[in-house]
Amino acid sequence: LVSFLSSGYLVYDLSATGILLGVLLGFL
């Protein structure tokens, strides 16, 4: 599931910055 999310949100990964960017892009 994390791999699937990182393929949709290119800046998302399991780091603090990646999770924050994933959450912001997910909200948008």
mmCIF file of all heavy atoms, coordinates in Angstrom:
data_MODEL
# 
_entry.id   MODEL 
# 
loop_
_atom_site.group_PDB 
_atom_site.id 
_atom_site.type_symbol 
_atom_site.label_atom_id 
_atom_site.label_alt_id 
_atom_site.label_comp_id 
_atom_site.label_asym_id 
_atom_site.label_entity_id 
_atom_site.label_seq_id 
_atom_site.pdbx_PDB_ins_code 
_atom_site.Cartn_x 
_atom_site.Cartn_y 
_atom_site.Cartn_z 
_atom_site.occupancy 
_atom_site.B_iso_or_equiv 
_atom_site.pdbx_formal_charge 
_atom_site.auth_seq_id 
_atom_site.auth_comp_id 
_atom_site.auth_asym_id 
_atom_site.auth_atom_id 
_atom_site.pdbx_PDB_model_num 
ATOM 1   N N   . LEU A 1 1  ? 0.833  -1.204 0.000   1.00 0.00 ? 1  LEU A N   1 
ATOM 2   C CA  . LEU A 1 1  ? 0.000  0.000  0.000   1.00 0.00 ? 1  LEU A CA  1 
ATOM 3   C C   . LEU A 1 1  ? 0.868  1.255  0.000   1.00 0.00 ? 1  LEU A C   1 
ATOM 4   O O   . LEU A 1 1  ? 0.565  2.227  -0.697  1.00 0.00 ? 1  LEU A O   1 
ATOM 5   C CB  . LEU A 1 1  ? -0.943 -0.010 1.201   1.00 0.00 ? 1  LEU A CB  1 
ATOM 6   C CG  . LEU A 1 1  ? -1.997 1.074  1.272   1.00 0.00 ? 1  LEU A CG  1 
ATOM 7   C CD1 . LEU A 1 1  ? -2.851 1.093  0.010   1.00 0.00 ? 1  LEU A CD1 1 
ATOM 8   C CD2 . LEU A 1 1  ? -2.874 0.872  2.482   1.00 0.00 ? 1  LEU A CD2 1 
ATOM 9   N N   . VAL A 1 2  ? 1.945  1.232  0.740   1.00 0.00 ? 2  VAL A N   1 
ATOM 10  C CA  . VAL A 1 2  ? 2.882  2.369  0.751   1.00 0.00 ? 2  VAL A CA  1 
ATOM 11  C C   . VAL A 1 2  ? 3.517  2.521  -0.629  1.00 0.00 ? 2  VAL A C   1 
ATOM 12  O O   . VAL A 1 2  ? 3.675  3.632  -1.143  1.00 0.00 ? 2  VAL A O   1 
ATOM 13  C CB  . VAL A 1 2  ? 3.948  2.184  1.850   1.00 0.00 ? 2  VAL A CB  1 
ATOM 14  C CG1 . VAL A 1 2  ? 5.062  3.197  1.706   1.00 0.00 ? 2  VAL A CG1 1 
ATOM 15  C CG2 . VAL A 1 2  ? 3.308  2.271  3.220   1.00 0.00 ? 2  VAL A CG2 1 
ATOM 16  N N   . SER A 1 3  ? 3.857  1.390  -1.252  1.00 0.00 ? 3  SER A N   1 
ATOM 17  C CA  . SER A 1 3  ? 4.409  1.437  -2.602  1.00 0.00 ? 3  SER A CA  1 
ATOM 18  C C   . SER A 1 3  ? 3.408  2.014  -3.591  1.00 0.00 ? 3  SER A C   1 
ATOM 19  O O   . SER A 1 3  ? 3.764  2.795  -4.482  1.00 0.00 ? 3  SER A O   1 
ATOM 20  C CB  . SER A 1 3  ? 4.822  0.033  -3.026  1.00 0.00 ? 3  SER A CB  1 
ATOM 21  O OG  . SER A 1 3  ? 5.272  0.018  -4.346  1.00 0.00 ? 3  SER A OG  1 
ATOM 22  N N   . PHE A 1 4  ? 2.139  1.641  -3.433  1.00 0.00 ? 4  PHE A N   1 
ATOM 23  C CA  . PHE A 1 4  ? 1.089  2.175  -4.290  1.00 0.00 ? 4  PHE A CA  1 
ATOM 24  C C   . PHE A 1 4  ? 0.945  3.683  -4.098  1.00 0.00 ? 4  PHE A C   1 
ATOM 25  O O   . PHE A 1 4  ? 0.820  4.430  -5.069  1.00 0.00 ? 4  PHE A O   1 
ATOM 26  C CB  . PHE A 1 4  ? -0.237 1.464  -3.993  1.00 0.00 ? 4  PHE A CB  1 
ATOM 27  C CG  . PHE A 1 4  ? -1.403 2.001  -4.755  1.00 0.00 ? 4  PHE A CG  1 
ATOM 28  C CD1 . PHE A 1 4  ? -1.538 1.741  -6.097  1.00 0.00 ? 4  PHE A CD1 1 
ATOM 29  C CD2 . PHE A 1 4  ? -2.354 2.774  -4.115  1.00 0.00 ? 4  PHE A CD2 1 
ATOM 30  C CE1 . PHE A 1 4  ? -2.614 2.244  -6.819  1.00 0.00 ? 4  PHE A CE1 1 
ATOM 31  C CE2 . PHE A 1 4  ? -3.440 3.274  -4.810  1.00 0.00 ? 4  PHE A CE2 1 
ATOM 32  C CZ  . PHE A 1 4  ? -3.567 3.008  -6.170  1.00 0.00 ? 4  PHE A CZ  1 
ATOM 33  N N   . LEU A 1 5  ? 0.962  4.139  -2.860  1.00 0.00 ? 5  LEU A N   1 
ATOM 34  C CA  . LEU A 1 5  ? 0.858  5.578  -2.588  1.00 0.00 ? 5  LEU A CA  1 
ATOM 35  C C   . LEU A 1 5  ? 2.055  6.340  -3.162  1.00 0.00 ? 5  LEU A C   1 
ATOM 36  O O   . LEU A 1 5  ? 1.904  7.430  -3.700  1.00 0.00 ? 5  LEU A O   1 
ATOM 37  C CB  . LEU A 1 5  ? 0.747  5.838  -1.091  1.00 0.00 ? 5  LEU A CB  1 
ATOM 38  C CG  . LEU A 1 5  ? -0.588 5.514  -0.440  1.00 0.00 ? 5  LEU A CG  1 
ATOM 39  C CD1 . LEU A 1 5  ? -0.483 5.663  1.073   1.00 0.00 ? 5  LEU A CD1 1 
ATOM 40  C CD2 . LEU A 1 5  ? -1.688 6.389  -0.985  1.00 0.00 ? 5  LEU A CD2 1 
ATOM 41  N N   . SER A 1 6  ? 3.245  5.754  -3.041  1.00 0.00 ? 6  SER A N   1 
ATOM 42  C CA  . SER A 1 6  ? 4.426  6.449  -3.554  1.00 0.00 ? 6  SER A CA  1 
ATOM 43  C C   . SER A 1 6  ? 4.463  6.475  -5.076  1.00 0.00 ? 6  SER A C   1 
ATOM 44  O O   . SER A 1 6  ? 5.137  7.323  -5.653  1.00 0.00 ? 6  SER A O   1 
ATOM 45  C CB  . SER A 1 6  ? 5.702  5.814  -3.000  1.00 0.00 ? 6  SER A CB  1 
ATOM 46  O OG  . SER A 1 6  ? 5.845  4.505  -3.474  1.00 0.00 ? 6  SER A OG  1 
ATOM 47  N N   . SER A 1 7  ? 3.737  5.567  -5.726  1.00 0.00 ? 7  SER A N   1 
ATOM 48  C CA  . SER A 1 7  ? 3.667  5.650  -7.186  1.00 0.00 ? 7  SER A CA  1 
ATOM 49  C C   . SER A 1 7  ? 2.678  6.730  -7.629  1.00 0.00 ? 7  SER A C   1 
ATOM 50  O O   . SER A 1 7  ? 2.823  7.300  -8.704  1.00 0.00 ? 7  SER A O   1 
ATOM 51  C CB  . SER A 1 7  ? 3.267  4.305  -7.786  1.00 0.00 ? 7  SER A CB  1 
ATOM 52  O OG  . SER A 1 7  ? 1.937  3.976  -7.455  1.00 0.00 ? 7  SER A OG  1 
ATOM 53  N N   . GLY A 1 8  ? 1.684  7.025  -6.805  1.00 0.00 ? 8  GLY A N   1 
ATOM 54  C CA  . GLY A 1 8  ? 0.732  8.087  -7.137  1.00 0.00 ? 8  GLY A CA  1 
ATOM 55  C C   . GLY A 1 8  ? 1.206  9.460  -6.711  1.00 0.00 ? 8  GLY A C   1 
ATOM 56  O O   . GLY A 1 8  ? 0.990  10.452 -7.408  1.00 0.00 ? 8  GLY A O   1 
ATOM 57  N N   . TYR A 1 9  ? 1.823  9.533  -5.552  1.00 0.00 ? 9  TYR A N   1 
ATOM 58  C CA  . TYR A 1 9  ? 2.370  10.793 -5.038  1.00 0.00 ? 9  TYR A CA  1 
ATOM 59  C C   . TYR A 1 9  ? 3.891  10.662 -5.074  1.00 0.00 ? 9  TYR A C   1 
ATOM 60  O O   . TYR A 1 9  ? 4.493  10.028 -4.210  1.00 0.00 ? 9  TYR A O   1 
ATOM 61  C CB  . TYR A 1 9  ? 1.904  11.051 -3.606  1.00 0.00 ? 9  TYR A CB  1 
ATOM 62  C CG  . TYR A 1 9  ? 0.398  11.122 -3.460  1.00 0.00 ? 9  TYR A CG  1 
ATOM 63  C CD1 . TYR A 1 9  ? -0.302 10.169 -2.740  1.00 0.00 ? 9  TYR A CD1 1 
ATOM 64  C CD2 . TYR A 1 9  ? -0.319 12.149 -4.045  1.00 0.00 ? 9  TYR A CD2 1 
ATOM 65  C CE1 . TYR A 1 9  ? -1.677 10.237 -2.610  1.00 0.00 ? 9  TYR A CE1 1 
ATOM 66  C CE2 . TYR A 1 9  ? -1.693 12.229 -3.922  1.00 0.00 ? 9  TYR A CE2 1 
ATOM 67  C CZ  . TYR A 1 9  ? -2.364 11.271 -3.208  1.00 0.00 ? 9  TYR A CZ  1 
ATOM 68  O OH  . TYR A 1 9  ? -3.724 11.334 -3.080  1.00 0.00 ? 9  TYR A OH  1 
ATOM 69  N N   . LEU A 1 10 ? 4.505  11.268 -6.063  1.00 0.00 ? 10 LEU A N   1 
ATOM 70  C CA  . LEU A 1 10 ? 5.928  11.039 -6.321  1.00 0.00 ? 10 LEU A CA  1 
ATOM 71  C C   . LEU A 1 10 ? 6.834  11.525 -5.205  1.00 0.00 ? 10 LEU A C   1 
ATOM 72  O O   . LEU A 1 10 ? 7.948  11.024 -5.048  1.00 0.00 ? 10 LEU A O   1 
ATOM 73  C CB  . LEU A 1 10 ? 6.322  11.688 -7.646  1.00 0.00 ? 10 LEU A CB  1 
ATOM 74  C CG  . LEU A 1 10 ? 5.565  11.159 -8.870  1.00 0.00 ? 10 LEU A CG  1 
ATOM 75  C CD1 . LEU A 1 10 ? 5.983  11.912 -10.114 1.00 0.00 ? 10 LEU A CD1 1 
ATOM 76  C CD2 . LEU A 1 10 ? 5.792  9.669  -9.026  1.00 0.00 ? 10 LEU A CD2 1 
ATOM 77  N N   . VAL A 1 11 ? 6.404  12.476 -4.392  1.00 0.00 ? 11 VAL A N   1 
ATOM 78  C CA  . VAL A 1 11 ? 7.235  12.993 -3.301  1.00 0.00 ? 11 VAL A CA  1 
ATOM 79  C C   . VAL A 1 11 ? 7.013  12.232 -1.999  1.00 0.00 ? 11 VAL A C   1 
ATOM 80  O O   . VAL A 1 11 ? 7.705  12.482 -1.012  1.00 0.00 ? 11 VAL A O   1 
ATOM 81  C CB  . VAL A 1 11 ? 6.982  14.497 -3.070  1.00 0.00 ? 11 VAL A CB  1 
ATOM 82  C CG1 . VAL A 1 11 ? 7.414  15.309 -4.274  1.00 0.00 ? 11 VAL A CG1 1 
ATOM 83  C CG2 . VAL A 1 11 ? 5.528  14.755 -2.740  1.00 0.00 ? 11 VAL A CG2 1 
ATOM 84  N N   . TYR A 1 12 ? 6.065  11.282 -1.988  1.00 0.00 ? 12 TYR A N   1 
ATOM 85  C CA  . TYR A 1 12 ? 5.733  10.542 -0.765  1.00 0.00 ? 12 TYR A CA  1 
ATOM 86  C C   . TYR A 1 12 ? 6.727  9.414  -0.538  1.00 0.00 ? 12 TYR A C   1 
ATOM 87  O O   . TYR A 1 12 ? 7.060  8.662  -1.443  1.00 0.00 ? 12 TYR A O   1 
ATOM 88  C CB  . TYR A 1 12 ? 4.321  9.966  -0.876  1.00 0.00 ? 12 TYR A CB  1 
ATOM 89  C CG  . TYR A 1 12 ? 3.961  9.021  0.242   1.00 0.00 ? 12 TYR A CG  1 
ATOM 90  C CD1 . TYR A 1 12 ? 3.601  9.506  1.484   1.00 0.00 ? 12 TYR A CD1 1 
ATOM 91  C CD2 . TYR A 1 12 ? 3.979  7.646  0.052   1.00 0.00 ? 12 TYR A CD2 1 
ATOM 92  C CE1 . TYR A 1 12 ? 3.278  8.657  2.506   1.00 0.00 ? 12 TYR A CE1 1 
ATOM 93  C CE2 . TYR A 1 12 ? 3.646  6.783  1.071   1.00 0.00 ? 12 TYR A CE2 1 
ATOM 94  C CZ  . TYR A 1 12 ? 3.301  7.289  2.296   1.00 0.00 ? 12 TYR A CZ  1 
ATOM 95  O OH  . TYR A 1 12 ? 2.982  6.446  3.314   1.00 0.00 ? 12 TYR A OH  1 
ATOM 96  N N   . ASP A 1 13 ? 7.234  9.320  0.676   1.00 0.00 ? 13 ASP A N   1 
ATOM 97  C CA  . ASP A 1 13 ? 7.999  8.161  1.142   1.00 0.00 ? 13 ASP A CA  1 
ATOM 98  C C   . ASP A 1 13 ? 7.882  8.115  2.663   1.00 0.00 ? 13 ASP A C   1 
ATOM 99  O O   . ASP A 1 13 ? 7.205  8.931  3.264   1.00 0.00 ? 13 ASP A O   1 
ATOM 100 C CB  . ASP A 1 13 ? 9.456  8.197  0.675   1.00 0.00 ? 13 ASP A CB  1 
ATOM 101 C CG  . ASP A 1 13 ? 10.223 9.397  1.192   1.00 0.00 ? 13 ASP A CG  1 
ATOM 102 O OD1 . ASP A 1 13 ? 9.628  10.246 1.883   1.00 0.00 ? 13 ASP A OD1 1 
ATOM 103 O OD2 . ASP A 1 13 ? 11.424 9.500  0.908   1.00 0.00 ? 13 ASP A OD2 1 
ATOM 104 N N   . LEU A 1 14 ? 8.503  7.128  3.275   1.00 0.00 ? 14 LEU A N   1 
ATOM 105 C CA  . LEU A 1 14 ? 8.372  6.949  4.724   1.00 0.00 ? 14 LEU A CA  1 
ATOM 106 C C   . LEU A 1 14 ? 9.428  7.727  5.496   1.00 0.00 ? 14 LEU A C   1 
ATOM 107 O O   . LEU A 1 14 ? 10.146 7.187  6.326   1.00 0.00 ? 14 LEU A O   1 
ATOM 108 C CB  . LEU A 1 14 ? 8.417  5.456  5.080   1.00 0.00 ? 14 LEU A CB  1 
ATOM 109 C CG  . LEU A 1 14 ? 7.191  4.663  4.657   1.00 0.00 ? 14 LEU A CG  1 
ATOM 110 C CD1 . LEU A 1 14 ? 7.351  3.202  5.033   1.00 0.00 ? 14 LEU A CD1 1 
ATOM 111 C CD2 . LEU A 1 14 ? 5.929  5.233  5.259   1.00 0.00 ? 14 LEU A CD2 1 
ATOM 112 N N   . SER A 1 15 ? 9.530  9.002  5.218   1.00 0.00 ? 15 SER A N   1 
ATOM 113 C CA  . SER A 1 15 ? 10.344 9.924  6.013   1.00 0.00 ? 15 SER A CA  1 
ATOM 114 C C   . SER A 1 15 ? 9.416  11.026 6.512   1.00 0.00 ? 15 SER A C   1 
ATOM 115 O O   . SER A 1 15 ? 8.285  11.146 6.049   1.00 0.00 ? 15 SER A O   1 
ATOM 116 C CB  . SER A 1 15 ? 11.464 10.516 5.151   1.00 0.00 ? 15 SER A CB  1 
ATOM 117 O OG  . SER A 1 15 ? 10.922 11.343 4.142   1.00 0.00 ? 15 SER A OG  1 
ATOM 118 N N   . ALA A 1 16 ? 9.883  11.819 7.435   1.00 0.00 ? 16 ALA A N   1 
ATOM 119 C CA  . ALA A 1 16 ? 9.035  12.882 7.980   1.00 0.00 ? 16 ALA A CA  1 
ATOM 120 C C   . ALA A 1 16 ? 8.605  13.856 6.885   1.00 0.00 ? 16 ALA A C   1 
ATOM 121 O O   . ALA A 1 16 ? 7.429  14.224 6.788   1.00 0.00 ? 16 ALA A O   1 
ATOM 122 C CB  . ALA A 1 16 ? 9.778  13.621 9.090   1.00 0.00 ? 16 ALA A CB  1 
ATOM 123 N N   . THR A 1 17 ? 9.538  14.252 6.037   1.00 0.00 ? 17 THR A N   1 
ATOM 124 C CA  . THR A 1 17 ? 9.214  15.176 4.954   1.00 0.00 ? 17 THR A CA  1 
ATOM 125 C C   . THR A 1 17 ? 8.290  14.522 3.934   1.00 0.00 ? 17 THR A C   1 
ATOM 126 O O   . THR A 1 17 ? 7.324  15.137 3.472   1.00 0.00 ? 17 THR A O   1 
ATOM 127 C CB  . THR A 1 17 ? 10.502 15.649 4.253   1.00 0.00 ? 17 THR A CB  1 
ATOM 128 O OG1 . THR A 1 17 ? 11.377 16.198 5.231   1.00 0.00 ? 17 THR A OG1 1 
ATOM 129 C CG2 . THR A 1 17 ? 10.197 16.680 3.191   1.00 0.00 ? 17 THR A CG2 1 
ATOM 130 N N   . GLY A 1 18 ? 8.579  13.278 3.580   1.00 0.00 ? 18 GLY A N   1 
ATOM 131 C CA  . GLY A 1 18 ? 7.752  12.573 2.607   1.00 0.00 ? 18 GLY A CA  1 
ATOM 132 C C   . GLY A 1 18 ? 6.328  12.351 3.095   1.00 0.00 ? 18 GLY A C   1 
ATOM 133 O O   . GLY A 1 18 ? 5.371  12.493 2.331   1.00 0.00 ? 18 GLY A O   1 
ATOM 134 N N   . ILE A 1 19 ? 6.186  12.013 4.367   1.00 0.00 ? 19 ILE A N   1 
ATOM 135 C CA  . ILE A 1 19 ? 4.839  11.819 4.928   1.00 0.00 ? 19 ILE A CA  1 
ATOM 136 C C   . ILE A 1 19 ? 4.089  13.147 4.959   1.00 0.00 ? 19 ILE A C   1 
ATOM 137 O O   . ILE A 1 19 ? 2.912  13.209 4.594   1.00 0.00 ? 19 ILE A O   1 
ATOM 138 C CB  . ILE A 1 19 ? 4.920  11.190 6.335   1.00 0.00 ? 19 ILE A CB  1 
ATOM 139 C CG1 . ILE A 1 19 ? 5.421  9.757  6.237   1.00 0.00 ? 19 ILE A CG1 1 
ATOM 140 C CG2 . ILE A 1 19 ? 3.572  11.238 7.029   1.00 0.00 ? 19 ILE A CG2 1 
ATOM 141 C CD1 . ILE A 1 19 ? 5.733  9.110  7.568   1.00 0.00 ? 19 ILE A CD1 1 
ATOM 142 N N   . LEU A 1 20 ? 4.745  14.227 5.371   1.00 0.00 ? 20 LEU A N   1 
ATOM 143 C CA  . LEU A 1 20 ? 4.101  15.539 5.405   1.00 0.00 ? 20 LEU A CA  1 
ATOM 144 C C   . LEU A 1 20 ? 3.655  15.974 4.009   1.00 0.00 ? 20 LEU A C   1 
ATOM 145 O O   . LEU A 1 20 ? 2.518  16.435 3.828   1.00 0.00 ? 20 LEU A O   1 
ATOM 146 C CB  . LEU A 1 20 ? 5.042  16.585 6.007   1.00 0.00 ? 20 LEU A CB  1 
ATOM 147 C CG  . LEU A 1 20 ? 4.484  18.005 6.065   1.00 0.00 ? 20 LEU A CG  1 
ATOM 148 C CD1 . LEU A 1 20 ? 3.276  18.071 6.988   1.00 0.00 ? 20 LEU A CD1 1 
ATOM 149 C CD2 . LEU A 1 20 ? 5.552  18.964 6.517   1.00 0.00 ? 20 LEU A CD2 1 
ATOM 150 N N   . LEU A 1 21 ? 4.515  15.792 3.024   1.00 0.00 ? 21 LEU A N   1 
ATOM 151 C CA  . LEU A 1 21 ? 4.144  16.150 1.658   1.00 0.00 ? 21 LEU A CA  1 
ATOM 152 C C   . LEU A 1 21 ? 3.021  15.247 1.136   1.00 0.00 ? 21 LEU A C   1 
ATOM 153 O O   . LEU A 1 21 ? 2.120  15.707 0.432   1.00 0.00 ? 21 LEU A O   1 
ATOM 154 C CB  . LEU A 1 21 ? 5.365  16.070 0.738   1.00 0.00 ? 21 LEU A CB  1 
ATOM 155 C CG  . LEU A 1 21 ? 6.420  17.152 0.959   1.00 0.00 ? 21 LEU A CG  1 
ATOM 156 C CD1 . LEU A 1 21 ? 7.653  16.862 0.121   1.00 0.00 ? 21 LEU A CD1 1 
ATOM 157 C CD2 . LEU A 1 21 ? 5.858  18.518 0.645   1.00 0.00 ? 21 LEU A CD2 1 
ATOM 158 N N   . GLY A 1 22 ? 3.059  13.968 1.506   1.00 0.00 ? 22 GLY A N   1 
ATOM 159 C CA  . GLY A 1 22 ? 1.994  13.057 1.109   1.00 0.00 ? 22 GLY A CA  1 
ATOM 160 C C   . GLY A 1 22 ? 0.665  13.440 1.722   1.00 0.00 ? 22 GLY A C   1 
ATOM 161 O O   . GLY A 1 22 ? -0.383 13.369 1.068   1.00 0.00 ? 22 GLY A O   1 
ATOM 162 N N   . VAL A 1 23 ? 0.680  13.848 2.974   1.00 0.00 ? 23 VAL A N   1 
ATOM 163 C CA  . VAL A 1 23 ? -0.548 14.275 3.649   1.00 0.00 ? 23 VAL A CA  1 
ATOM 164 C C   . VAL A 1 23 ? -1.094 15.549 2.999   1.00 0.00 ? 23 VAL A C   1 
ATOM 165 O O   . VAL A 1 23 ? -2.298 15.666 2.750   1.00 0.00 ? 23 VAL A O   1 
ATOM 166 C CB  . VAL A 1 23 ? -0.297 14.479 5.160   1.00 0.00 ? 23 VAL A CB  1 
ATOM 167 C CG1 . VAL A 1 23 ? -1.426 15.238 5.812   1.00 0.00 ? 23 VAL A CG1 1 
ATOM 168 C CG2 . VAL A 1 23 ? -0.096 13.135 5.840   1.00 0.00 ? 23 VAL A CG2 1 
ATOM 169 N N   . LEU A 1 24 ? -0.225 16.503 2.693   1.00 0.00 ? 24 LEU A N   1 
ATOM 170 C CA  . LEU A 1 24 ? -0.667 17.741 2.049   1.00 0.00 ? 24 LEU A CA  1 
ATOM 171 C C   . LEU A 1 24 ? -1.224 17.477 0.651   1.00 0.00 ? 24 LEU A C   1 
ATOM 172 O O   . LEU A 1 24 ? -2.282 18.003 0.281   1.00 0.00 ? 24 LEU A O   1 
ATOM 173 C CB  . LEU A 1 24 ? 0.480  18.745 1.981   1.00 0.00 ? 24 LEU A CB  1 
ATOM 174 C CG  . LEU A 1 24 ? 0.935  19.314 3.316   1.00 0.00 ? 24 LEU A CG  1 
ATOM 175 C CD1 . LEU A 1 24 ? 2.169  20.185 3.135   1.00 0.00 ? 24 LEU A CD1 1 
ATOM 176 C CD2 . LEU A 1 24 ? -0.170 20.090 3.978   1.00 0.00 ? 24 LEU A CD2 1 
ATOM 177 N N   . LEU A 1 25 ? -0.529 16.652 -0.124  1.00 0.00 ? 25 LEU A N   1 
ATOM 178 C CA  . LEU A 1 25 ? -1.028 16.320 -1.454  1.00 0.00 ? 25 LEU A CA  1 
ATOM 179 C C   . LEU A 1 25 ? -2.307 15.486 -1.372  1.00 0.00 ? 25 LEU A C   1 
ATOM 180 O O   . LEU A 1 25 ? -3.198 15.626 -2.211  1.00 0.00 ? 25 LEU A O   1 
ATOM 181 C CB  . LEU A 1 25 ? 0.037  15.572 -2.252  1.00 0.00 ? 25 LEU A CB  1 
ATOM 182 C CG  . LEU A 1 25 ? 1.204  16.418 -2.742  1.00 0.00 ? 25 LEU A CG  1 
ATOM 183 C CD1 . LEU A 1 25 ? 2.263  15.541 -3.396  1.00 0.00 ? 25 LEU A CD1 1 
ATOM 184 C CD2 . LEU A 1 25 ? 0.722  17.487 -3.703  1.00 0.00 ? 25 LEU A CD2 1 
ATOM 185 N N   . GLY A 1 26 ? -2.397 14.631 -0.354  1.00 0.00 ? 26 GLY A N   1 
ATOM 186 C CA  . GLY A 1 26 ? -3.609 13.844 -0.159  1.00 0.00 ? 26 GLY A CA  1 
ATOM 187 C C   . GLY A 1 26 ? -4.800 14.724 0.160   1.00 0.00 ? 26 GLY A C   1 
ATOM 188 O O   . GLY A 1 26 ? -5.907 14.483 -0.331  1.00 0.00 ? 26 GLY A O   1 
ATOM 189 N N   . PHE A 1 27 ? -4.581 15.749 0.969   1.00 0.00 ? 27 PHE A N   1 
ATOM 190 C CA  . PHE A 1 27 ? -5.669 16.686 1.269   1.00 0.00 ? 27 PHE A CA  1 
ATOM 191 C C   . PHE A 1 27 ? -6.110 17.411 0.004   1.00 0.00 ? 27 PHE A C   1 
ATOM 192 O O   . PHE A 1 27 ? -7.309 17.533 -0.273  1.00 0.00 ? 27 PHE A O   1 
ATOM 193 C CB  . PHE A 1 27 ? -5.255 17.703 2.333   1.00 0.00 ? 27 PHE A CB  1 
ATOM 194 C CG  . PHE A 1 27 ? -6.358 18.663 2.663   1.00 0.00 ? 27 PHE A CG  1 
ATOM 195 C CD1 . PHE A 1 27 ? -7.349 18.303 3.553   1.00 0.00 ? 27 PHE A CD1 1 
ATOM 196 C CD2 . PHE A 1 27 ? -6.423 19.904 2.057   1.00 0.00 ? 27 PHE A CD2 1 
ATOM 197 C CE1 . PHE A 1 27 ? -8.393 19.167 3.847   1.00 0.00 ? 27 PHE A CE1 1 
ATOM 198 C CE2 . PHE A 1 27 ? -7.457 20.781 2.338   1.00 0.00 ? 27 PHE A CE2 1 
ATOM 199 C CZ  . PHE A 1 27 ? -8.448 20.410 3.237   1.00 0.00 ? 27 PHE A CZ  1 
ATOM 200 N N   . LEU A 1 28 ? -5.153 17.875 -0.769  1.00 0.00 ? 28 LEU A N   1 
ATOM 201 C CA  . LEU A 1 28 ? -5.476 18.571 -2.010  1.00 0.00 ? 28 LEU A CA  1 
ATOM 202 C C   . LEU A 1 28 ? -6.220 17.642 -2.977  1.00 0.00 ? 28 LEU A C   1 
ATOM 203 O O   . LEU A 1 28 ? -7.223 18.039 -3.581  1.00 0.00 ? 28 LEU A O   1 
ATOM 204 C CB  . LEU A 1 28 ? -4.207 19.111 -2.654  1.00 0.00 ? 28 LEU A CB  1 
ATOM 205 C CG  . LEU A 1 28 ? -4.379 19.870 -3.959  1.00 0.00 ? 28 LEU A CG  1 
ATOM 206 C CD1 . LEU A 1 28 ? -5.179 21.142 -3.735  1.00 0.00 ? 28 LEU A CD1 1 
ATOM 207 C CD2 . LEU A 1 28 ? -3.027 20.192 -4.558  1.00 0.00 ? 28 LEU A CD2 1 
# 
